[in-house]
């Protein structure tokens, strides 16, 4: 029981540390702005062309579409990570506990035999 609590606490601290690190990275990228491109969360600046305004509009649509797809991929990845975590907590903890107990018992039996 004690090792379970220690493991739970250690994983919670690890996840919290990763969260704060990722938040700090995002804030730094946001502050750097256009120097880091779309990583700052802002679409790239498209220069206006007086000679070909249709090309400018096409470039704007391309940039907006690219940003939309990037956001969609990140959103789906995040949703997938949350679903995987919920699935593991619901189904995986019990089987993980049983396999650890089985390994512990086999080591204990091996120790007694030798």
PDB file of N, CA and C in Angstrom:
ATOM      1  N   UNK A   1       0.831  -1.192   0.000  1.00  0.00           N
ATOM      2  CA  UNK A   1       0.000   0.000   0.000  1.00  0.00           C
ATOM      3  C   UNK A   1       0.873   1.253   0.000  1.00  0.00           C
ATOM      4  N   UNK A   2       1.956   1.212   0.765  1.00  0.00           N
ATOM      5  CA  UNK A   2       2.832   2.377   0.842  1.00  0.00           C
ATOM      6  C   UNK A   2       3.517   2.633  -0.501  1.00  0.00           C
ATOM      7  N   UNK A   3       3.963   1.553  -1.170  1.00  0.00           N
ATOM      8  CA  UNK A   3       4.638   1.739  -2.460  1.00  0.00           C
ATOM      9  C   UNK A   3       3.666   2.278  -3.518  1.00  0.00           C
ATOM     10  N   UNK A   4       2.404   1.903  -3.417  1.00  0.00           N
ATOM     11  CA  UNK A   4       1.404   2.416  -4.346  1.00  0.00           C
ATOM     12  C   UNK A   4       1.257   3.927  -4.171  1.00  0.00           C
ATOM     13  N   UNK A   5       1.204   4.375  -2.929  1.00  0.00           N
ATOM     14  CA  UNK A   5       1.055   5.804  -2.660  1.00  0.00           C
ATOM     15  C   UNK A   5       2.299   6.556  -3.127  1.00  0.00           C
ATOM     16  N   UNK A   6       3.476   5.973  -2.879  1.00  0.00           N
ATOM     17  CA  UNK A   6       4.714   6.616  -3.321  1.00  0.00           C
ATOM     18  C   UNK A   6       4.742   6.700  -4.848  1.00  0.00           C
ATOM     19  N   UNK A   7       4.381   5.626  -5.529  1.00  0.00           N
ATOM     20  CA  UNK A   7       4.335   5.638  -6.986  1.00  0.00           C
ATOM     21  C   UNK A   7       3.327   6.625  -7.527  1.00  0.00           C
ATOM     22  N   UNK A   8       2.177   6.685  -6.915  1.00  0.00           N
ATOM     23  CA  UNK A   8       1.145   7.628  -7.334  1.00  0.00           C
ATOM     24  C   UNK A   8       1.628   9.065  -7.150  1.00  0.00           C
ATOM     25  N   UNK A   9       2.261   9.338  -6.033  1.00  0.00           N
ATOM     26  CA  UNK A   9       2.782  10.681  -5.766  1.00  0.00           C
ATOM     27  C   UNK A   9       3.893  11.027  -6.760  1.00  0.00           C
ATOM     28  N   UNK A  10       4.794  10.074  -7.011  1.00  0.00           N
ATOM     29  CA  UNK A  10       5.900  10.333  -7.940  1.00  0.00           C
ATOM     30  C   UNK A  10       5.377  10.620  -9.341  1.00  0.00           C
ATOM     31  N   UNK A  11       4.404   9.860  -9.804  1.00  0.00           N
ATOM     32  CA  UNK A  11       3.845  10.095 -11.136  1.00  0.00           C
ATOM     33  C   UNK A  11       3.102  11.430 -11.202  1.00  0.00           C
ATOM     34  N   UNK A  12       2.425  11.781 -10.121  1.00  0.00           N
ATOM     35  CA  UNK A  12       1.728  13.070 -10.088  1.00  0.00           C
ATOM     36  C   UNK A  12       2.716  14.224 -10.175  1.00  0.00           C
ATOM     37  N   UNK A  13       3.817  14.118  -9.456  1.00  0.00           N
ATOM     38  CA  UNK A  13       4.847  15.164  -9.500  1.00  0.00           C
ATOM     39  C   UNK A  13       5.469  15.229 -10.890  1.00  0.00           C
ATOM     40  N   UNK A  14       5.715  14.079 -11.512  1.00  0.00           N
ATOM     41  CA  UNK A  14       6.282  14.052 -12.854  1.00  0.00           C
ATOM     42  C   UNK A  14       5.347  14.717 -13.859  1.00  0.00           C
ATOM     43  N   UNK A  15       4.081  14.380 -13.804  1.00  0.00           N
ATOM     44  CA  UNK A  15       3.113  14.963 -14.742  1.00  0.00           C
ATOM     45  C   UNK A  15       2.976  16.466 -14.505  1.00  0.00           C
ATOM     46  N   UNK A  16       2.963  16.889 -13.252  1.00  0.00           N
ATOM     47  CA  UNK A  16       2.873  18.319 -12.941  1.00  0.00           C
ATOM     48  C   UNK A  16       4.115  19.057 -13.447  1.00  0.00           C
ATOM     49  N   UNK A  17       5.283  18.448 -13.289  1.00  0.00           N
ATOM     50  CA  UNK A  17       6.518  19.055 -13.783  1.00  0.00           C
ATOM     51  C   UNK A  17       6.491  19.184 -15.299  1.00  0.00           C
ATOM     52  N   UNK A  18       6.048  18.139 -15.985  1.00  0.00           N
ATOM     53  CA  UNK A  18       5.933  18.210 -17.444  1.00  0.00           C
ATOM     54  C   UNK A  18       4.945  19.290 -17.876  1.00  0.00           C
ATOM     55  N   UNK A  19       3.849  19.397 -17.156  1.00  0.00           N
ATOM     56  CA  UNK A  19       2.848  20.418 -17.480  1.00  0.00           C
ATOM     57  C   UNK A  19       3.433  21.822 -17.345  1.00  0.00           C
ATOM     58  N   UNK A  20       4.112  22.091 -16.232  1.00  0.00           N
ATOM     59  CA  UNK A  20       4.675  23.429 -16.026  1.00  0.00           C
ATOM     60  C   UNK A  20       5.806  23.715 -17.013  1.00  0.00           C
ATOM     61  N   UNK A  21       6.601  22.707 -17.348  1.00  0.00           N
ATOM     62  CA  UNK A  21       7.661  22.895 -18.344  1.00  0.00           C
ATOM     63  C   UNK A  21       7.066  23.232 -19.699  1.00  0.00           C
ATOM     64  N   UNK A  22       6.043  22.487 -20.097  1.00  0.00           N
ATOM     65  CA  UNK A  22       5.388  22.740 -21.387  1.00  0.00           C
ATOM     66  C   UNK A  22       4.730  24.119 -21.400  1.00  0.00           C
ATOM     67  N   UNK A  23       4.113  24.504 -20.298  1.00  0.00           N
ATOM     68  CA  UNK A  23       3.500  25.832 -20.214  1.00  0.00           C
ATOM     69  C   UNK A  23       4.553  26.916 -20.349  1.00  0.00           C
ATOM     70  N   UNK A  24       5.702  26.730 -19.712  1.00  0.00           N
ATOM     71  CA  UNK A  24       6.786  27.702 -19.806  1.00  0.00           C
ATOM     72  C   UNK A  24       7.303  27.797 -21.242  1.00  0.00           C
ATOM     73  N   UNK A  25       7.462  26.663 -21.915  1.00  0.00           N
ATOM     74  CA  UNK A  25       7.907  26.665 -23.310  1.00  0.00           C
ATOM     75  C   UNK A  25       6.903  27.415 -24.183  1.00  0.00           C
ATOM     76  N   UNK A  26       5.624  27.167 -23.993  1.00  0.00           N
ATOM     77  CA  UNK A  26       4.599  27.860 -24.787  1.00  0.00           C
ATOM     78  C   UNK A  26       4.602  29.361 -24.535  1.00  0.00           C
ATOM     79  N   UNK A  27       4.781  29.763 -23.282  1.00  0.00           N
ATOM     80  CA  UNK A  27       4.836  31.199 -22.971  1.00  0.00           C
ATOM     81  C   UNK A  27       6.055  31.861 -23.611  1.00  0.00           C
ATOM     82  N   UNK A  28       7.190  31.175 -23.587  1.00  0.00           N
ATOM     83  CA  UNK A  28       8.389  31.732 -24.214  1.00  0.00           C
ATOM     84  C   UNK A  28       8.183  31.866 -25.719  1.00  0.00           C
ATOM     85  N   UNK A  29       7.619  30.843 -26.353  1.00  0.00           N
ATOM     86  CA  UNK A  29       7.361  30.917 -27.789  1.00  0.00           C
ATOM     87  C   UNK A  29       6.370  32.030 -28.112  1.00  0.00           C
ATOM     88  N   UNK A  30       5.378  32.203 -27.271  1.00  0.00           N
ATOM     89  CA  UNK A  30       4.390  33.265 -27.496  1.00  0.00           C
ATOM     90  C   UNK A  30       5.046  34.639 -27.405  1.00  0.00           C
ATOM     91  N   UNK A  31       5.955  34.796 -26.443  1.00  0.00           N
ATOM     92  CA  UNK A  31       6.641  36.084 -26.283  1.00  0.00           C
ATOM     93  C   UNK A  31       7.612  36.357 -27.427  1.00  0.00           C
ATOM     94  N   UNK A  32       8.205  35.325 -28.014  1.00  0.00           N
ATOM     95  CA  UNK A  32       9.142  35.528 -29.121  1.00  0.00           C
ATOM     96  C   UNK A  32       8.427  35.959 -30.394  1.00  0.00           C
ATOM     97  N   UNK A  33       7.165  35.639 -30.513  1.00  0.00           N
ATOM     98  CA  UNK A  33       6.353  36.116 -31.636  1.00  0.00           C
ATOM     99  C   UNK A  33       6.779  35.562 -32.975  1.00  0.00           C
ATOM    100  N   UNK A  34       6.838  36.430 -33.988  1.00  0.00           N
ATOM    101  CA  UNK A  34       7.081  36.009 -35.364  1.00  0.00           C
ATOM    102  C   UNK A  34       8.469  35.432 -35.593  1.00  0.00           C
ATOM    103  N   UNK A  35       9.401  35.649 -34.670  1.00  0.00           N
ATOM    104  CA  UNK A  35      10.746  35.088 -34.848  1.00  0.00           C
ATOM    105  C   UNK A  35      10.735  33.568 -34.859  1.00  0.00           C
ATOM    106  N   UNK A  36       9.744  32.941 -34.214  1.00  0.00           N
ATOM    107  CA  UNK A  36       9.672  31.481 -34.183  1.00  0.00           C
ATOM    108  C   UNK A  36       8.564  30.950 -35.091  1.00  0.00           C
ATOM    109  N   UNK A  37       7.966  31.809 -35.880  1.00  0.00           N
ATOM    110  CA  UNK A  37       6.956  31.377 -36.848  1.00  0.00           C
ATOM    111  C   UNK A  37       5.649  30.978 -36.192  1.00  0.00           C
ATOM    112  N   UNK A  38       5.033  29.912 -36.709  1.00  0.00           N
ATOM    113  CA  UNK A  38       3.722  29.512 -36.224  1.00  0.00           C
ATOM    114  C   UNK A  38       3.793  28.866 -34.841  1.00  0.00           C
ATOM    115  N   UNK A  39       5.002  28.576 -34.340  1.00  0.00           N
ATOM    116  CA  UNK A  39       5.132  28.017 -32.996  1.00  0.00           C
ATOM    117  C   UNK A  39       4.658  29.009 -31.937  1.00  0.00           C
ATOM    118  N   UNK A  40       4.586  30.295 -32.302  1.00  0.00           N
ATOM    119  CA  UNK A  40       4.114  31.298 -31.348  1.00  0.00           C
ATOM    120  C   UNK A  40       2.594  31.358 -31.290  1.00  0.00           C
ATOM    121  N   UNK A  41       1.920  30.641 -32.161  1.00  0.00           N
ATOM    122  CA  UNK A  41       0.461  30.638 -32.162  1.00  0.00           C
ATOM    123  C   UNK A  41      -0.130  31.661 -33.109  1.00  0.00           C
ATOM    124  N   UNK A  42       0.713  32.437 -33.759  1.00  0.00           N
ATOM    125  CA  UNK A  42       0.238  33.454 -34.699  1.00  0.00           C
ATOM    126  C   UNK A  42       0.531  32.989 -36.120  1.00  0.00           C
ATOM    127  N   UNK A  43      -0.389  33.226 -37.035  1.00  0.00           N
ATOM    128  CA  UNK A  43      -0.117  32.833 -38.422  1.00  0.00           C
ATOM    129  C   UNK A  43       1.015  33.670 -39.006  1.00  0.00           C
ATOM    130  N   UNK A  44       1.696  33.103 -39.978  1.00  0.00           N
ATOM    131  CA  UNK A  44       2.798  33.852 -40.573  1.00  0.00           C
ATOM    132  C   UNK A  44       2.248  35.049 -41.329  1.00  0.00           C
ATOM    133  N   UNK A  45       3.065  36.079 -41.386  1.00  0.00           N
ATOM    134  CA  UNK A  45       2.662  37.299 -42.070  1.00  0.00           C
ATOM    135  C   UNK A  45       2.873  37.125 -43.564  1.00  0.00           C
ATOM    136  N   UNK A  46       1.852  37.390 -44.326  1.00  0.00           N
ATOM    137  CA  UNK A  46       1.927  37.295 -45.777  1.00  0.00           C
ATOM    138  C   UNK A  46       2.029  38.711 -46.319  1.00  0.00           C
ATOM    139  N   UNK A  47       3.028  38.935 -47.172  1.00  0.00           N
ATOM    140  CA  UNK A  47       3.227  40.275 -47.717  1.00  0.00           C
ATOM    141  C   UNK A  47       2.230  40.539 -48.844  1.00  0.00           C
ATOM    142  N   UNK A  48       1.703  41.745 -48.825  1.00  0.00           N
ATOM    143  CA  UNK A  48       0.720  42.131 -49.835  1.00  0.00           C
ATOM    144  C   UNK A  48       1.428  42.473 -51.129  1.00  0.00           C
ATOM    145  N   UNK A  49       0.902  41.933 -52.213  1.00  0.00           N
ATOM    146  CA  UNK A  49       1.468  42.176 -53.540  1.00  0.00           C
ATOM    147  C   UNK A  49       0.471  43.033 -54.327  1.00  0.00           C
ATOM    148  N   UNK A  50       0.861  44.280 -54.634  1.00  0.00           N
ATOM    149  CA  UNK A  50      -0.038  45.183 -55.365  1.00  0.00           C
ATOM    150  C   UNK A  50      -0.296  44.713 -56.783  1.00  0.00           C
ATOM    151  N   UNK A  51       0.674  44.015 -57.365  1.00  0.00           N
ATOM    152  CA  UNK A  51       0.541  43.609 -58.758  1.00  0.00           C
ATOM    153  C   UNK A  51      -0.426  42.432 -58.887  1.00  0.00           C
ATOM    154  N   UNK A  52      -0.329  41.460 -57.940  1.00  0.00           N
ATOM    155  CA  UNK A  52      -1.170  40.267 -58.002  1.00  0.00           C
ATOM    156  C   UNK A  52      -1.965  40.109 -56.703  1.00  0.00           C
ATOM    157  N   UNK A  53      -3.072  40.850 -56.544  1.00  0.00           N
ATOM    158  CA  UNK A  53      -3.843  40.727 -55.292  1.00  0.00           C
ATOM    159  C   UNK A  53      -4.477  39.349 -55.117  1.00  0.00           C
ATOM    160  N   UNK A  54      -4.742  38.647 -56.239  1.00  0.00           N
ATOM    161  CA  UNK A  54      -5.317  37.300 -56.113  1.00  0.00           C
ATOM    162  C   UNK A  54      -4.321  36.352 -55.453  1.00  0.00           C
ATOM    163  N   UNK A  55      -3.038  36.511 -55.778  1.00  0.00           N
ATOM    164  CA  UNK A  55      -2.014  35.664 -55.170  1.00  0.00           C
ATOM    165  C   UNK A  55      -1.918  35.936 -53.670  1.00  0.00           C
ATOM    166  N   UNK A  56      -2.087  37.200 -53.285  1.00  0.00           N
ATOM    167  CA  UNK A  56      -2.067  37.533 -51.864  1.00  0.00           C
ATOM    168  C   UNK A  56      -3.204  36.824 -51.140  1.00  0.00           C
ATOM    169  N   UNK A  57      -4.409  36.883 -51.701  1.00  0.00           N
ATOM    170  CA  UNK A  57      -5.552  36.218 -51.078  1.00  0.00           C
ATOM    171  C   UNK A  57      -5.341  34.703 -51.010  1.00  0.00           C
ATOM    172  N   UNK A  58      -4.743  34.126 -52.047  1.00  0.00           N
ATOM    173  CA  UNK A  58      -4.464  32.697 -52.047  1.00  0.00           C
ATOM    174  C   UNK A  58      -3.427  32.349 -50.960  1.00  0.00           C
ATOM    175  N   UNK A  59      -2.406  33.195 -50.821  1.00  0.00           N
ATOM    176  CA  UNK A  59      -1.398  32.962 -49.787  1.00  0.00           C
ATOM    177  C   UNK A  59      -2.003  33.059 -48.392  1.00  0.00           C
ATOM    178  N   UNK A  60      -2.921  33.980 -48.214  1.00  0.00           N
ATOM    179  CA  UNK A  60      -3.587  34.122 -46.916  1.00  0.00           C
ATOM    180  C   UNK A  60      -4.420  32.882 -46.614  1.00  0.00           C
ATOM    181  N   UNK A  61      -5.165  32.415 -47.610  1.00  0.00           N
ATOM    182  CA  UNK A  61      -5.964  31.193 -47.413  1.00  0.00           C
ATOM    183  C   UNK A  61      -5.068  29.994 -47.100  1.00  0.00           C
ATOM    184  N   UNK A  62      -3.930  29.885 -47.798  1.00  0.00           N
ATOM    185  CA  UNK A  62      -2.997  28.787 -47.538  1.00  0.00           C
ATOM    186  C   UNK A  62      -2.458  28.846 -46.113  1.00  0.00           C
ATOM    187  N   UNK A  63      -2.088  30.036 -45.676  1.00  0.00           N
ATOM    188  CA  UNK A  63      -1.552  30.192 -44.318  1.00  0.00           C
ATOM    189  C   UNK A  63      -2.611  29.859 -43.276  1.00  0.00           C
ATOM    190  N   UNK A  64      -3.827  30.318 -43.485  1.00  0.00           N
ATOM    191  CA  UNK A  64      -4.906  30.019 -42.538  1.00  0.00           C
ATOM    192  C   UNK A  64      -5.231  28.528 -42.526  1.00  0.00           C
ATOM    193  N   UNK A  65      -5.220  27.887 -43.700  1.00  0.00           N
ATOM    194  CA  UNK A  65      -5.477  26.452 -43.773  1.00  0.00           C
ATOM    195  C   UNK A  65      -4.377  25.665 -43.072  1.00  0.00           C
ATOM    196  N   UNK A  66      -3.138  26.077 -43.265  1.00  0.00           N
ATOM    197  CA  UNK A  66      -2.008  25.406 -42.611  1.00  0.00           C
ATOM    198  C   UNK A  66      -2.115  25.522 -41.093  1.00  0.00           C
ATOM    199  N   UNK A  67      -2.454  26.700 -40.620  1.00  0.00           N
ATOM    200  CA  UNK A  67      -2.617  26.910 -39.189  1.00  0.00           C
ATOM    201  C   UNK A  67      -3.790  26.093 -38.647  1.00  0.00           C
ATOM    202  N   UNK A  68      -4.866  26.013 -39.396  1.00  0.00           N
ATOM    203  CA  UNK A  68      -6.027  25.222 -38.980  1.00  0.00           C
ATOM    204  C   UNK A  68      -5.653  23.746 -38.849  1.00  0.00           C
ATOM    205  N   UNK A  69      -4.934  23.211 -39.829  1.00  0.00           N
ATOM    206  CA  UNK A  69      -4.538  21.800 -39.768  1.00  0.00           C
ATOM    207  C   UNK A  69      -3.576  21.542 -38.603  1.00  0.00           C
ATOM    208  N   UNK A  70      -2.673  22.473 -38.363  1.00  0.00           N
ATOM    209  CA  UNK A  70      -1.746  22.319 -37.232  1.00  0.00           C
ATOM    210  C   UNK A  70      -2.512  22.281 -35.921  1.00  0.00           C
ATOM    211  N   UNK A  71      -3.438  23.192 -35.757  1.00  0.00           N
ATOM    212  CA  UNK A  71      -4.234  23.215 -34.526  1.00  0.00           C
ATOM    213  C   UNK A  71      -5.079  21.953 -34.387  1.00  0.00           C
ATOM    214  N   UNK A  72      -5.631  21.484 -35.488  1.00  0.00           N
ATOM    215  CA  UNK A  72      -6.451  20.279 -35.459  1.00  0.00           C
ATOM    216  C   UNK A  72      -5.626  19.056 -35.059  1.00  0.00           C
ATOM    217  N   UNK A  73      -4.425  18.933 -35.618  1.00  0.00           N
ATOM    218  CA  UNK A  73      -3.557  17.801 -35.259  1.00  0.00           C
ATOM    219  C   UNK A  73      -3.201  17.851 -33.777  1.00  0.00           C
ATOM    220  N   UNK A  74      -2.856  19.026 -33.263  1.00  0.00           N
ATOM    221  CA  UNK A  74      -2.526  19.142 -31.842  1.00  0.00           C
ATOM    222  C   UNK A  74      -3.742  18.849 -30.965  1.00  0.00           C
ATOM    223  N   UNK A  75      -4.905  19.304 -31.372  1.00  0.00           N
ATOM    224  CA  UNK A  75      -6.121  19.045 -30.610  1.00  0.00           C
ATOM    225  C   UNK A  75      -6.428  17.553 -30.567  1.00  0.00           C
ATOM    226  N   UNK A  76      -6.360  16.893 -31.714  1.00  0.00           N
ATOM    227  CA  UNK A  76      -6.631  15.455 -31.758  1.00  0.00           C
ATOM    228  C   UNK A  76      -5.586  14.657 -30.977  1.00  0.00           C
ATOM    229  N   UNK A  77      -4.341  15.096 -31.024  1.00  0.00           N
ATOM    230  CA  UNK A  77      -3.298  14.421 -30.241  1.00  0.00           C
ATOM    231  C   UNK A  77      -3.574  14.554 -28.745  1.00  0.00           C
ATOM    232  N   UNK A  78      -3.980  15.731 -28.320  1.00  0.00           N
ATOM    233  CA  UNK A  78      -4.304  15.931 -26.913  1.00  0.00           C
ATOM    234  C   UNK A  78      -5.497  15.096 -26.469  1.00  0.00           C
ATOM    235  N   UNK A  79      -6.529  15.050 -27.305  1.00  0.00           N
ATOM    236  CA  UNK A  79      -7.707  14.236 -26.984  1.00  0.00           C
ATOM    237  C   UNK A  79      -7.316  12.763 -26.917  1.00  0.00           C
ATOM    238  N   UNK A  80      -6.473  12.320 -27.846  1.00  0.00           N
ATOM    239  CA  UNK A  80      -6.003  10.935 -27.831  1.00  0.00           C
ATOM    240  C   UNK A  80      -5.213  10.614 -26.571  1.00  0.00           C
ATOM    241  N   UNK A  81      -4.384  11.556 -26.124  1.00  0.00           N
ATOM    242  CA  UNK A  81      -3.612  11.338 -24.897  1.00  0.00           C
ATOM    243  C   UNK A  81      -4.528  11.238 -23.683  1.00  0.00           C
ATOM    244  N   UNK A  82      -5.545  12.077 -23.628  1.00  0.00           N
ATOM    245  CA  UNK A  82      -6.485  12.028 -22.499  1.00  0.00           C
ATOM    246  C   UNK A  82      -7.265  10.716 -22.513  1.00  0.00           C
ATOM    247  N   UNK A  83      -7.734  10.304 -23.678  1.00  0.00           N
ATOM    248  CA  UNK A  83      -8.481   9.039 -23.773  1.00  0.00           C
ATOM    249  C   UNK A  83      -7.591   7.862 -23.382  1.00  0.00           C
ATOM    250  N   UNK A  84      -6.338   7.872 -23.829  1.00  0.00           N
ATOM    251  CA  UNK A  84      -5.409   6.804 -23.463  1.00  0.00           C
ATOM    252  C   UNK A  84      -5.159   6.768 -21.962  1.00  0.00           C
ATOM    253  N   UNK A  85      -5.026   7.935 -21.351  1.00  0.00           N
ATOM    254  CA  UNK A  85      -4.808   7.985 -19.908  1.00  0.00           C
ATOM    255  C   UNK A  85      -6.020   7.443 -19.143  1.00  0.00           C
ATOM    256  N   UNK A  86      -7.212   7.833 -19.557  1.00  0.00           N
ATOM    257  CA  UNK A  86      -8.425   7.336 -18.908  1.00  0.00           C
ATOM    258  C   UNK A  86      -8.541   5.828 -19.091  1.00  0.00           C
ATOM    259  N   UNK A  87      -8.247   5.340 -20.294  1.00  0.00           N
ATOM    260  CA  UNK A  87      -8.307   3.910 -20.570  1.00  0.00           C
ATOM    261  C   UNK A  87      -7.314   3.149 -19.691  1.00  0.00           C
ATOM    262  N   UNK A  88      -6.100   3.676 -19.567  1.00  0.00           N
ATOM    263  CA  UNK A  88      -5.090   3.012 -18.740  1.00  0.00           C
ATOM    264  C   UNK A  88      -5.515   2.991 -17.276  1.00  0.00           C
ATOM    265  N   UNK A  89      -6.023   4.101 -16.783  1.00  0.00           N
ATOM    266  CA  UNK A  89      -6.447   4.144 -15.383  1.00  0.00           C
ATOM    267  C   UNK A  89      -7.582   3.170 -15.144  1.00  0.00           C
ATOM    268  N   UNK A  90      -8.517   3.092 -16.079  1.00  0.00           N
ATOM    269  CA  UNK A  90      -9.686   2.241 -15.883  1.00  0.00           C
ATOM    270  C   UNK A  90      -9.355   0.759 -16.028  1.00  0.00           C
ATOM    271  N   UNK A  91      -8.597   0.402 -17.055  1.00  0.00           N
ATOM    272  CA  UNK A  91      -8.345  -1.014 -17.340  1.00  0.00           C
ATOM    273  C   UNK A  91      -6.934  -1.476 -16.973  1.00  0.00           C
ATOM    274  N   UNK A  92      -5.970  -0.595 -17.047  1.00  0.00           N
ATOM    275  CA  UNK A  92      -4.583  -1.025 -16.924  1.00  0.00           C
ATOM    276  C   UNK A  92      -4.062  -1.174 -15.515  1.00  0.00           C
ATOM    277  N   UNK A  93      -4.570  -0.403 -14.574  1.00  0.00           N
ATOM    278  CA  UNK A  93      -4.029  -0.431 -13.218  1.00  0.00           C
ATOM    279  C   UNK A  93      -4.248  -1.797 -12.584  1.00  0.00           C
ATOM    280  N   UNK A  94      -5.416  -2.369 -12.753  1.00  0.00           N
ATOM    281  CA  UNK A  94      -5.689  -3.669 -12.150  1.00  0.00           C
ATOM    282  C   UNK A  94      -4.782  -4.762 -12.699  1.00  0.00           C
ATOM    283  N   UNK A  95      -4.631  -4.808 -14.014  1.00  0.00           N
ATOM    284  CA  UNK A  95      -3.759  -5.829 -14.593  1.00  0.00           C
ATOM    285  C   UNK A  95      -2.297  -5.559 -14.274  1.00  0.00           C
ATOM    286  N   UNK A  96      -1.910  -4.295 -14.196  1.00  0.00           N
ATOM    287  CA  UNK A  96      -0.543  -3.964 -13.798  1.00  0.00           C
ATOM    288  C   UNK A  96      -0.274  -4.430 -12.373  1.00  0.00           C
ATOM    289  N   UNK A  97      -1.220  -4.207 -11.487  1.00  0.00           N
ATOM    290  CA  UNK A  97      -1.074  -4.641 -10.096  1.00  0.00           C
ATOM    291  C   UNK A  97      -0.962  -6.158 -10.008  1.00  0.00           C
ATOM    292  N   UNK A  98      -1.804  -6.864 -10.764  1.00  0.00           N
ATOM    293  CA  UNK A  98      -1.745  -8.323 -10.763  1.00  0.00           C
ATOM    294  C   UNK A  98      -0.422  -8.848 -11.307  1.00  0.00           C
ATOM    295  N   UNK A  99       0.098  -8.237 -12.358  1.00  0.00           N
ATOM    296  CA  UNK A  99       1.368  -8.700 -12.912  1.00  0.00           C
ATOM    297  C   UNK A  99       2.524  -8.409 -11.968  1.00  0.00           C
ATOM    298  N   UNK A 100       2.485  -7.285 -11.264  1.00  0.00           N
ATOM    299  CA  UNK A 100       3.534  -6.987 -10.284  1.00  0.00           C
ATOM    300  C   UNK A 100       3.460  -7.974  -9.127  1.00  0.00           C
ATOM    301  N   UNK A 101       2.260  -8.276  -8.666  1.00  0.00           N
ATOM    302  CA  UNK A 101       2.119  -9.265  -7.589  1.00  0.00           C
ATOM    303  C   UNK A 101       2.595 -10.640  -8.038  1.00  0.00           C
ATOM    304  N   UNK A 102       2.289 -11.019  -9.276  1.00  0.00           N
ATOM    305  CA  UNK A 102       2.754 -12.296  -9.805  1.00  0.00           C
ATOM    306  C   UNK A 102       4.264 -12.357  -9.892  1.00  0.00           C
ATOM    307  N   UNK A 103       4.878 -11.264 -10.341  1.00  0.00           N
ATOM    308  CA  UNK A 103       6.338 -11.227 -10.408  1.00  0.00           C
ATOM    309  C   UNK A 103       6.937 -11.293  -9.008  1.00  0.00           C
ATOM    310  N   UNK A 104       6.326 -10.586  -8.066  1.00  0.00           N
ATOM    311  CA  UNK A 104       6.825 -10.608  -6.690  1.00  0.00           C
ATOM    312  C   UNK A 104       6.719 -12.014  -6.105  1.00  0.00           C
ATOM    313  N   UNK A 105       5.611 -12.679  -6.346  1.00  0.00           N
ATOM    314  CA  UNK A 105       5.437 -14.042  -5.838  1.00  0.00           C
ATOM    315  C   UNK A 105       6.419 -15.015  -6.480  1.00  0.00           C
ATOM    316  N   UNK A 106       6.689 -14.867  -7.766  1.00  0.00           N
ATOM    317  CA  UNK A 106       7.637 -15.772  -8.419  1.00  0.00           C
ATOM    318  C   UNK A 106       9.052 -15.541  -7.906  1.00  0.00           C
ATOM    319  N   UNK A 107       9.401 -14.293  -7.626  1.00  0.00           N
ATOM    320  CA  UNK A 107      10.722 -14.019  -7.051  1.00  0.00           C
ATOM    321  C   UNK A 107      10.780 -14.592  -5.643  1.00  0.00           C
ATOM    322  N   UNK A 108       9.714 -14.450  -4.893  1.00  0.00           N
ATOM    323  CA  UNK A 108       9.676 -14.976  -3.512  1.00  0.00           C
ATOM    324  C   UNK A 108       9.813 -16.492  -3.530  1.00  0.00           C
ATOM    325  N   UNK A 109       9.081 -17.170  -4.439  1.00  0.00           N
ATOM    326  CA  UNK A 109       9.156 -18.638  -4.535  1.00  0.00           C
ATOM    327  C   UNK A 109      10.563 -19.052  -4.973  1.00  0.00           C
ATOM    328  N   UNK A 110      11.134 -18.347  -5.929  1.00  0.00           N
ATOM    329  CA  UNK A 110      12.494 -18.683  -6.374  1.00  0.00           C
ATOM    330  C   UNK A 110      13.490 -18.513  -5.242  1.00  0.00           C
ATOM    331  N   UNK A 111      13.299 -17.486  -4.436  1.00  0.00           N
ATOM    332  CA  UNK A 111      14.213 -17.244  -3.321  1.00  0.00           C
ATOM    333  C   UNK A 111      14.112 -18.358  -2.276  1.00  0.00           C
ATOM    334  N   UNK A 112      12.890 -18.840  -2.027  1.00  0.00           N
ATOM    335  CA  UNK A 112      12.705 -19.898  -1.045  1.00  0.00           C
ATOM    336  C   UNK A 112      13.280 -21.220  -1.548  1.00  0.00           C
ATOM    337  N   UNK A 113      13.112 -21.511  -2.846  1.00  0.00           N
ATOM    338  CA  UNK A 113      13.596 -22.772  -3.413  1.00  0.00           C
ATOM    339  C   UNK A 113      15.117 -22.839  -3.346  1.00  0.00           C
ATOM    340  N   UNK A 114      15.789 -21.740  -3.656  1.00  0.00           N
ATOM    341  CA  UNK A 114      17.259 -21.758  -3.644  1.00  0.00           C
ATOM    342  C   UNK A 114      17.714 -21.423  -2.274  1.00  0.00           C
TER     343      UNK A 114
END
